[in-house]
Amino acid sequence: MKNILVATDGSENSKKALKQARILAEHMGSKVTIINIAADLPAYIRGKLVESFQEYAIKYQNEVLENALKIFQDYSGEVNIVRGKGNEGEAIIKEAEKGNYDLIIMGSRGMGAFFRAILGSTSNKVLNNVRTNVLIVK
């Protein structure tokens, strides 16, 4: 496994996924790419709410990625980040298709039942729509 994609959303399970990615990457000498996708409001919602949400989403994304990079702070291998916006599952799948990843690592559950009910399970969507091996961390 020379190239690992790890998805993070700031949840406890995604932090566990990052730590697992670090362990595997150290043993295998892997390049690691950390991906975070900022959620997007539906197109039919307009106005100040959208502007406020987008500002918050970008600020939160920066915070999540900063914390993720801390886990790899003294890692001797290559670590990259990918930022995106929109549907998390679709964006992870797209990155998996264009990258040459040997493994995708992600948490089993993200930000909670409410978002899962609205958006569906990101890990389930990725697991069932990529050719790459997927490690789901609980």
N, C-alpha and C. Protein backbone atom coordinates (compact mmCIF):
# COMPACT_ATOMS: atom_id res chain seq x y z
N MET A 1 0.84 -1.18 0.00
CA MET A 1 0.00 0.00 0.00
C MET A 1 0.89 1.24 0.00
N LYS A 2 1.03 1.79 -1.15
CA LYS A 2 1.90 2.95 -1.28
C LYS A 2 1.15 4.27 -1.28
N ASN A 3 -0.17 4.21 -1.46
CA ASN A 3 -0.93 5.45 -1.59
C ASN A 3 -2.28 5.29 -0.88
N ILE A 4 -2.47 6.03 0.22
CA ILE A 4 -3.66 5.90 1.06
C ILE A 4 -4.46 7.20 1.02
N LEU A 5 -5.77 7.07 0.82
CA LEU A 5 -6.70 8.20 0.91
C LEU A 5 -7.47 8.04 2.21
N VAL A 6 -7.44 9.07 3.05
CA VAL A 6 -8.18 9.02 4.31
C VAL A 6 -9.15 10.19 4.37
N ALA A 7 -10.43 9.86 4.59
CA ALA A 7 -11.48 10.87 4.65
C ALA A 7 -11.70 11.29 6.09
N THR A 8 -11.86 12.59 6.29
CA THR A 8 -12.13 13.09 7.64
C THR A 8 -13.20 14.16 7.60
N ASP A 9 -14.03 14.14 8.64
CA ASP A 9 -15.07 15.17 8.78
C ASP A 9 -15.04 15.80 10.16
N GLY A 10 -14.03 15.47 10.95
CA GLY A 10 -13.91 16.03 12.28
C GLY A 10 -14.56 15.20 13.37
N SER A 11 -15.28 14.15 12.99
CA SER A 11 -15.96 13.30 13.98
C SER A 11 -14.94 12.41 14.70
N GLU A 12 -15.37 11.82 15.80
CA GLU A 12 -14.48 10.93 16.55
C GLU A 12 -14.05 9.73 15.70
N ASN A 13 -14.97 9.14 14.94
CA ASN A 13 -14.60 8.00 14.12
C ASN A 13 -13.64 8.38 13.01
N SER A 14 -13.76 9.59 12.48
CA SER A 14 -12.80 9.98 11.44
C SER A 14 -11.43 10.27 12.05
N LYS A 15 -11.40 10.71 13.31
CA LYS A 15 -10.10 10.88 13.99
C LYS A 15 -9.44 9.52 14.20
N LYS A 16 -10.26 8.51 14.54
CA LYS A 16 -9.73 7.15 14.66
C LYS A 16 -9.20 6.66 13.32
N ALA A 17 -9.90 7.00 12.24
CA ALA A 17 -9.47 6.61 10.89
C ALA A 17 -8.12 7.25 10.56
N LEU A 18 -7.95 8.51 10.92
CA LEU A 18 -6.68 9.20 10.69
C LEU A 18 -5.54 8.52 11.46
N LYS A 19 -5.81 8.14 12.70
CA LYS A 19 -4.78 7.48 13.50
C LYS A 19 -4.43 6.11 12.92
N GLN A 20 -5.44 5.39 12.44
CA GLN A 20 -5.19 4.10 11.80
C GLN A 20 -4.39 4.29 10.51
N ALA A 21 -4.72 5.33 9.76
CA ALA A 21 -3.99 5.63 8.53
C ALA A 21 -2.52 5.91 8.85
N ARG A 22 -2.28 6.63 9.91
CA ARG A 22 -0.90 6.95 10.32
C ARG A 22 -0.13 5.67 10.63
N ILE A 23 -0.75 4.76 11.38
CA ILE A 23 -0.09 3.50 11.74
C ILE A 23 0.25 2.69 10.49
N LEU A 24 -0.72 2.53 9.60
CA LEU A 24 -0.50 1.77 8.38
C LEU A 24 0.54 2.44 7.48
N ALA A 25 0.44 3.75 7.36
CA ALA A 25 1.38 4.49 6.50
C ALA A 25 2.81 4.37 7.01
N GLU A 26 2.99 4.41 8.32
CA GLU A 26 4.34 4.26 8.88
C GLU A 26 4.91 2.88 8.58
N HIS A 27 4.10 1.85 8.73
CA HIS A 27 4.56 0.48 8.48
C HIS A 27 4.85 0.23 7.00
N MET A 28 4.09 0.87 6.13
CA MET A 28 4.19 0.60 4.70
C MET A 28 4.99 1.66 3.93
N GLY A 29 5.33 2.76 4.59
CA GLY A 29 6.02 3.84 3.90
C GLY A 29 5.14 4.49 2.85
N SER A 30 3.87 4.68 3.19
CA SER A 30 2.87 5.16 2.23
C SER A 30 2.78 6.67 2.15
N LYS A 31 2.39 7.12 0.97
CA LYS A 31 1.96 8.50 0.78
C LYS A 31 0.51 8.56 1.28
N VAL A 32 0.17 9.65 1.98
CA VAL A 32 -1.17 9.81 2.53
C VAL A 32 -1.81 11.07 1.97
N THR A 33 -3.06 10.93 1.54
CA THR A 33 -3.85 12.08 1.13
C THR A 33 -5.06 12.15 2.04
N ILE A 34 -5.22 13.30 2.68
CA ILE A 34 -6.36 13.53 3.58
C ILE A 34 -7.38 14.36 2.82
N ILE A 35 -8.62 13.88 2.80
CA ILE A 35 -9.68 14.59 2.08
C ILE A 35 -10.78 15.02 3.05
N ASN A 36 -11.23 16.26 2.86
CA ASN A 36 -12.39 16.77 3.59
C ASN A 36 -13.28 17.51 2.60
N ILE A 37 -14.55 17.21 2.67
CA ILE A 37 -15.53 17.83 1.79
C ILE A 37 -16.48 18.67 2.63
N ALA A 38 -16.50 19.97 2.35
CA ALA A 38 -17.42 20.86 3.05
C ALA A 38 -18.82 20.64 2.49
N ALA A 39 -19.76 20.44 3.38
CA ALA A 39 -21.15 20.24 2.96
C ALA A 39 -21.67 21.48 2.24
N ASP A 40 -22.62 21.28 1.40
CA ASP A 40 -23.20 22.37 0.62
C ASP A 40 -24.71 22.34 0.81
N LEU A 41 -25.30 23.51 0.93
CA LEU A 41 -26.76 23.60 1.02
C LEU A 41 -27.37 23.39 -0.36
N PRO A 42 -28.59 22.88 -0.41
CA PRO A 42 -29.26 22.71 -1.71
C PRO A 42 -29.35 24.03 -2.47
N ALA A 43 -29.32 23.95 -3.79
CA ALA A 43 -29.30 25.14 -4.66
C ALA A 43 -30.53 26.02 -4.49
N TYR A 44 -31.65 25.46 -4.07
CA TYR A 44 -32.88 26.25 -3.96
C TYR A 44 -32.88 27.16 -2.74
N ILE A 45 -31.92 27.00 -1.83
CA ILE A 45 -31.83 27.88 -0.66
C ILE A 45 -30.93 29.05 -1.04
N ARG A 46 -31.40 30.25 -0.86
CA ARG A 46 -30.66 31.45 -1.26
C ARG A 46 -30.53 32.43 -0.09
N GLY A 47 -29.69 33.44 -0.29
CA GLY A 47 -29.63 34.57 0.63
C GLY A 47 -28.59 34.47 1.71
N LYS A 48 -28.84 35.22 2.78
CA LYS A 48 -27.88 35.35 3.89
C LYS A 48 -27.58 34.01 4.54
N LEU A 49 -28.58 33.15 4.63
CA LEU A 49 -28.36 31.84 5.24
C LEU A 49 -27.26 31.09 4.51
N VAL A 50 -27.29 31.11 3.19
CA VAL A 50 -26.29 30.42 2.39
C VAL A 50 -24.91 31.03 2.62
N GLU A 51 -24.82 32.35 2.60
CA GLU A 51 -23.54 33.02 2.82
C GLU A 51 -22.97 32.67 4.19
N SER A 52 -23.80 32.70 5.21
CA SER A 52 -23.35 32.37 6.57
C SER A 52 -22.90 30.91 6.65
N PHE A 53 -23.68 30.03 6.04
CA PHE A 53 -23.35 28.61 6.07
C PHE A 53 -22.04 28.35 5.34
N GLN A 54 -21.85 28.97 4.19
CA GLN A 54 -20.63 28.77 3.43
C GLN A 54 -19.40 29.26 4.18
N GLU A 55 -19.53 30.41 4.83
CA GLU A 55 -18.42 30.92 5.65
C GLU A 55 -18.10 29.95 6.77
N TYR A 56 -19.14 29.45 7.44
CA TYR A 56 -18.94 28.49 8.52
C TYR A 56 -18.31 27.20 7.99
N ALA A 57 -18.80 26.71 6.85
CA ALA A 57 -18.31 25.46 6.29
C ALA A 57 -16.82 25.55 5.95
N ILE A 58 -16.39 26.67 5.40
CA ILE A 58 -14.97 26.85 5.06
C ILE A 58 -14.12 26.94 6.32
N LYS A 59 -14.61 27.68 7.31
CA LYS A 59 -13.89 27.79 8.58
C LYS A 59 -13.76 26.42 9.25
N TYR A 60 -14.86 25.67 9.25
CA TYR A 60 -14.85 24.34 9.86
C TYR A 60 -13.92 23.40 9.08
N GLN A 61 -13.96 23.47 7.76
CA GLN A 61 -13.09 22.63 6.93
C GLN A 61 -11.62 22.90 7.25
N ASN A 62 -11.25 24.17 7.36
CA ASN A 62 -9.88 24.53 7.71
C ASN A 62 -9.47 23.95 9.06
N GLU A 63 -10.38 24.03 10.02
CA GLU A 63 -10.12 23.50 11.35
C GLU A 63 -9.94 21.98 11.32
N VAL A 64 -10.82 21.29 10.61
CA VAL A 64 -10.75 19.83 10.51
C VAL A 64 -9.42 19.40 9.88
N LEU A 65 -9.04 20.06 8.79
CA LEU A 65 -7.79 19.69 8.11
C LEU A 65 -6.56 20.04 8.94
N GLU A 66 -6.61 21.15 9.64
CA GLU A 66 -5.50 21.52 10.53
C GLU A 66 -5.31 20.46 11.61
N ASN A 67 -6.42 20.02 12.21
CA ASN A 67 -6.34 18.98 13.25
C ASN A 67 -5.88 17.65 12.67
N ALA A 68 -6.32 17.34 11.45
CA ALA A 68 -5.88 16.09 10.80
C ALA A 68 -4.38 16.11 10.55
N LEU A 69 -3.87 17.23 10.09
CA LEU A 69 -2.44 17.33 9.82
C LEU A 69 -1.60 17.21 11.09
N LYS A 70 -2.16 17.58 12.23
CA LYS A 70 -1.44 17.43 13.49
C LYS A 70 -1.13 15.96 13.78
N ILE A 71 -2.02 15.08 13.38
CA ILE A 71 -1.81 13.65 13.59
C ILE A 71 -0.59 13.17 12.79
N PHE A 72 -0.31 13.82 11.67
CA PHE A 72 0.81 13.45 10.81
C PHE A 72 1.99 14.42 10.96
N GLN A 73 1.99 15.19 12.04
CA GLN A 73 2.96 16.27 12.21
C GLN A 73 4.40 15.84 11.99
N ASP A 74 4.82 14.75 12.56
CA ASP A 74 6.22 14.33 12.42
C ASP A 74 6.36 13.09 11.53
N TYR A 75 5.39 12.86 10.69
CA TYR A 75 5.44 11.73 9.76
C TYR A 75 6.48 12.03 8.69
N SER A 76 7.33 11.05 8.41
CA SER A 76 8.44 11.29 7.47
C SER A 76 8.02 11.16 6.00
N GLY A 77 6.87 10.59 5.74
CA GLY A 77 6.41 10.42 4.37
C GLY A 77 5.65 11.63 3.86
N GLU A 78 5.17 11.50 2.64
CA GLU A 78 4.43 12.58 1.99
C GLU A 78 2.98 12.59 2.46
N VAL A 79 2.49 13.79 2.82
CA VAL A 79 1.10 13.97 3.23
C VAL A 79 0.52 15.15 2.44
N ASN A 80 -0.59 14.91 1.78
CA ASN A 80 -1.28 15.95 1.01
C ASN A 80 -2.70 16.10 1.51
N ILE A 81 -3.29 17.23 1.19
CA ILE A 81 -4.70 17.42 1.53
C ILE A 81 -5.48 17.74 0.26
N VAL A 82 -6.75 17.32 0.28
CA VAL A 82 -7.68 17.63 -0.80
C VAL A 82 -8.90 18.26 -0.14
N ARG A 83 -9.26 19.43 -0.62
CA ARG A 83 -10.45 20.13 -0.13
C ARG A 83 -11.51 20.06 -1.22
N GLY A 84 -12.74 19.93 -0.79
CA GLY A 84 -13.82 19.93 -1.74
C GLY A 84 -15.07 20.52 -1.13
N LYS A 85 -16.11 20.59 -1.93
CA LYS A 85 -17.38 21.13 -1.47
C LYS A 85 -18.48 20.36 -2.19
N GLY A 86 -19.53 20.04 -1.46
CA GLY A 86 -20.65 19.35 -2.08
C GLY A 86 -21.00 18.08 -1.36
N ASN A 87 -21.41 17.08 -2.11
CA ASN A 87 -21.79 15.79 -1.55
C ASN A 87 -20.53 15.01 -1.17
N GLU A 88 -20.42 14.67 0.09
CA GLU A 88 -19.21 14.04 0.60
C GLU A 88 -18.91 12.72 -0.10
N GLY A 89 -19.89 11.83 -0.17
CA GLY A 89 -19.67 10.53 -0.79
C GLY A 89 -19.25 10.64 -2.24
N GLU A 90 -19.95 11.46 -3.00
CA GLU A 90 -19.62 11.63 -4.42
C GLU A 90 -18.23 12.20 -4.62
N ALA A 91 -17.84 13.15 -3.77
CA ALA A 91 -16.52 13.76 -3.89
C ALA A 91 -15.40 12.78 -3.54
N ILE A 92 -15.62 11.96 -2.53
CA ILE A 92 -14.62 10.95 -2.16
C ILE A 92 -14.49 9.92 -3.28
N ILE A 93 -15.62 9.50 -3.83
CA ILE A 93 -15.61 8.55 -4.94
C ILE A 93 -14.85 9.13 -6.13
N LYS A 94 -15.12 10.38 -6.45
CA LYS A 94 -14.44 11.03 -7.58
C LYS A 94 -12.93 11.08 -7.35
N GLU A 95 -12.51 11.46 -6.14
CA GLU A 95 -11.08 11.50 -5.82
C GLU A 95 -10.49 10.10 -5.90
N ALA A 96 -11.19 9.10 -5.43
CA ALA A 96 -10.70 7.72 -5.48
C ALA A 96 -10.51 7.26 -6.92
N GLU A 97 -11.41 7.67 -7.80
CA GLU A 97 -11.32 7.28 -9.20
C GLU A 97 -10.16 7.95 -9.91
N LYS A 98 -9.87 9.20 -9.57
CA LYS A 98 -8.80 9.90 -10.28
C LYS A 98 -7.42 9.66 -9.67
N GLY A 99 -7.38 9.32 -8.40
CA GLY A 99 -6.11 9.04 -7.74
C GLY A 99 -5.73 7.59 -7.91
N ASN A 100 -4.51 7.29 -7.66
CA ASN A 100 -4.03 5.92 -7.76
C ASN A 100 -3.89 5.36 -6.34
N TYR A 101 -5.02 5.22 -5.63
CA TYR A 101 -5.01 4.83 -4.23
C TYR A 101 -5.10 3.31 -4.09
N ASP A 102 -4.35 2.81 -3.14
CA ASP A 102 -4.39 1.38 -2.82
C ASP A 102 -5.42 1.10 -1.74
N LEU A 103 -5.77 2.14 -0.96
CA LEU A 103 -6.67 1.96 0.16
C LEU A 103 -7.35 3.29 0.50
N ILE A 104 -8.63 3.20 0.84
CA ILE A 104 -9.37 4.35 1.37
C ILE A 104 -9.70 4.00 2.81
N ILE A 105 -9.42 4.93 3.72
CA ILE A 105 -9.74 4.72 5.14
C ILE A 105 -10.70 5.81 5.56
N MET A 106 -11.77 5.41 6.25
CA MET A 106 -12.75 6.38 6.74
C MET A 106 -13.48 5.83 7.95
N GLY A 107 -14.07 6.72 8.71
CA GLY A 107 -14.83 6.32 9.88
C GLY A 107 -16.17 5.73 9.49
N SER A 108 -16.71 4.89 10.38
CA SER A 108 -17.98 4.23 10.09
C SER A 108 -19.17 5.18 10.17
N ARG A 109 -19.07 6.16 11.03
CA ARG A 109 -20.15 7.14 11.15
C ARG A 109 -19.52 8.50 11.34
N GLY A 110 -20.16 9.49 10.73
CA GLY A 110 -19.61 10.84 10.80
C GLY A 110 -20.28 11.69 11.84
N MET A 111 -20.87 12.76 11.38
CA MET A 111 -21.33 13.81 12.27
C MET A 111 -22.66 13.54 12.98
N GLY A 112 -23.28 12.40 12.76
CA GLY A 112 -24.45 12.09 13.56
C GLY A 112 -25.64 11.60 12.78
N ALA A 113 -26.63 11.12 13.52
CA ALA A 113 -27.81 10.48 12.93
C ALA A 113 -28.63 11.45 12.08
N PHE A 114 -28.73 12.70 12.49
CA PHE A 114 -29.53 13.66 11.72
C PHE A 114 -28.99 13.79 10.30
N PHE A 115 -27.68 14.04 10.18
CA PHE A 115 -27.09 14.19 8.85
C PHE A 115 -27.14 12.88 8.07
N ARG A 116 -26.97 11.74 8.76
CA ARG A 116 -27.04 10.46 8.10
C ARG A 116 -28.43 10.24 7.52
N ALA A 117 -29.46 10.63 8.26
CA ALA A 117 -30.83 10.47 7.79
C ALA A 117 -31.10 11.35 6.58
N ILE A 118 -30.54 12.55 6.58
CA ILE A 118 -30.75 13.48 5.48
C ILE A 118 -29.89 13.11 4.27
N LEU A 119 -28.63 12.84 4.49
CA LEU A 119 -27.68 12.67 3.40
C LEU A 119 -27.38 11.22 3.04
N GLY A 120 -27.74 10.29 3.90
CA GLY A 120 -27.35 8.90 3.67
C GLY A 120 -25.97 8.66 4.26
N SER A 121 -25.57 7.44 4.31
CA SER A 121 -24.29 7.09 4.90
C SER A 121 -23.16 7.27 3.89
N THR A 122 -22.27 8.18 4.18
CA THR A 122 -21.14 8.44 3.29
C THR A 122 -20.25 7.21 3.16
N SER A 123 -19.94 6.58 4.28
CA SER A 123 -19.06 5.40 4.22
C SER A 123 -19.71 4.28 3.41
N ASN A 124 -21.00 4.08 3.57
CA ASN A 124 -21.70 3.06 2.80
C ASN A 124 -21.67 3.38 1.31
N LYS A 125 -21.89 4.63 0.98
CA LYS A 125 -21.89 5.06 -0.42
C LYS A 125 -20.51 4.82 -1.04
N VAL A 126 -19.46 5.20 -0.34
CA VAL A 126 -18.11 5.02 -0.86
C VAL A 126 -17.80 3.53 -0.99
N LEU A 127 -18.07 2.78 0.05
CA LEU A 127 -17.79 1.35 0.08
C LEU A 127 -18.40 0.63 -1.12
N ASN A 128 -19.60 1.00 -1.49
CA ASN A 128 -20.33 0.31 -2.55
C ASN A 128 -20.12 0.88 -3.95
N ASN A 129 -19.29 1.92 -4.07
CA ASN A 129 -19.14 2.56 -5.38
C ASN A 129 -17.70 2.79 -5.82
N VAL A 130 -16.74 2.17 -5.17
CA VAL A 130 -15.34 2.29 -5.58
C VAL A 130 -14.74 0.90 -5.80
N ARG A 131 -13.70 0.84 -6.60
CA ARG A 131 -12.99 -0.41 -6.84
C ARG A 131 -11.87 -0.60 -5.82
N THR A 132 -11.46 0.49 -5.22
CA THR A 132 -10.37 0.48 -4.25
C THR A 132 -10.81 -0.21 -2.96
N ASN A 133 -9.88 -0.87 -2.30
CA ASN A 133 -10.18 -1.43 -0.98
C ASN A 133 -10.52 -0.31 -0.01
N VAL A 134 -11.46 -0.58 0.89
CA VAL A 134 -11.91 0.43 1.87
C VAL A 134 -11.81 -0.17 3.26
N LEU A 135 -11.19 0.58 4.15
CA LEU A 135 -11.12 0.20 5.56
C LEU A 135 -12.05 1.14 6.32
N ILE A 136 -13.07 0.57 6.94
CA ILE A 136 -14.01 1.35 7.75
C ILE A 136 -13.62 1.18 9.21
N VAL A 137 -13.33 2.30 9.87
CA VAL A 137 -12.86 2.28 11.25
C VAL A 137 -14.01 2.65 12.17
N LYS A 138 -14.19 1.86 13.24
CA LYS A 138 -15.25 2.12 14.24
C LYS A 138 -14.63 2.71 15.49
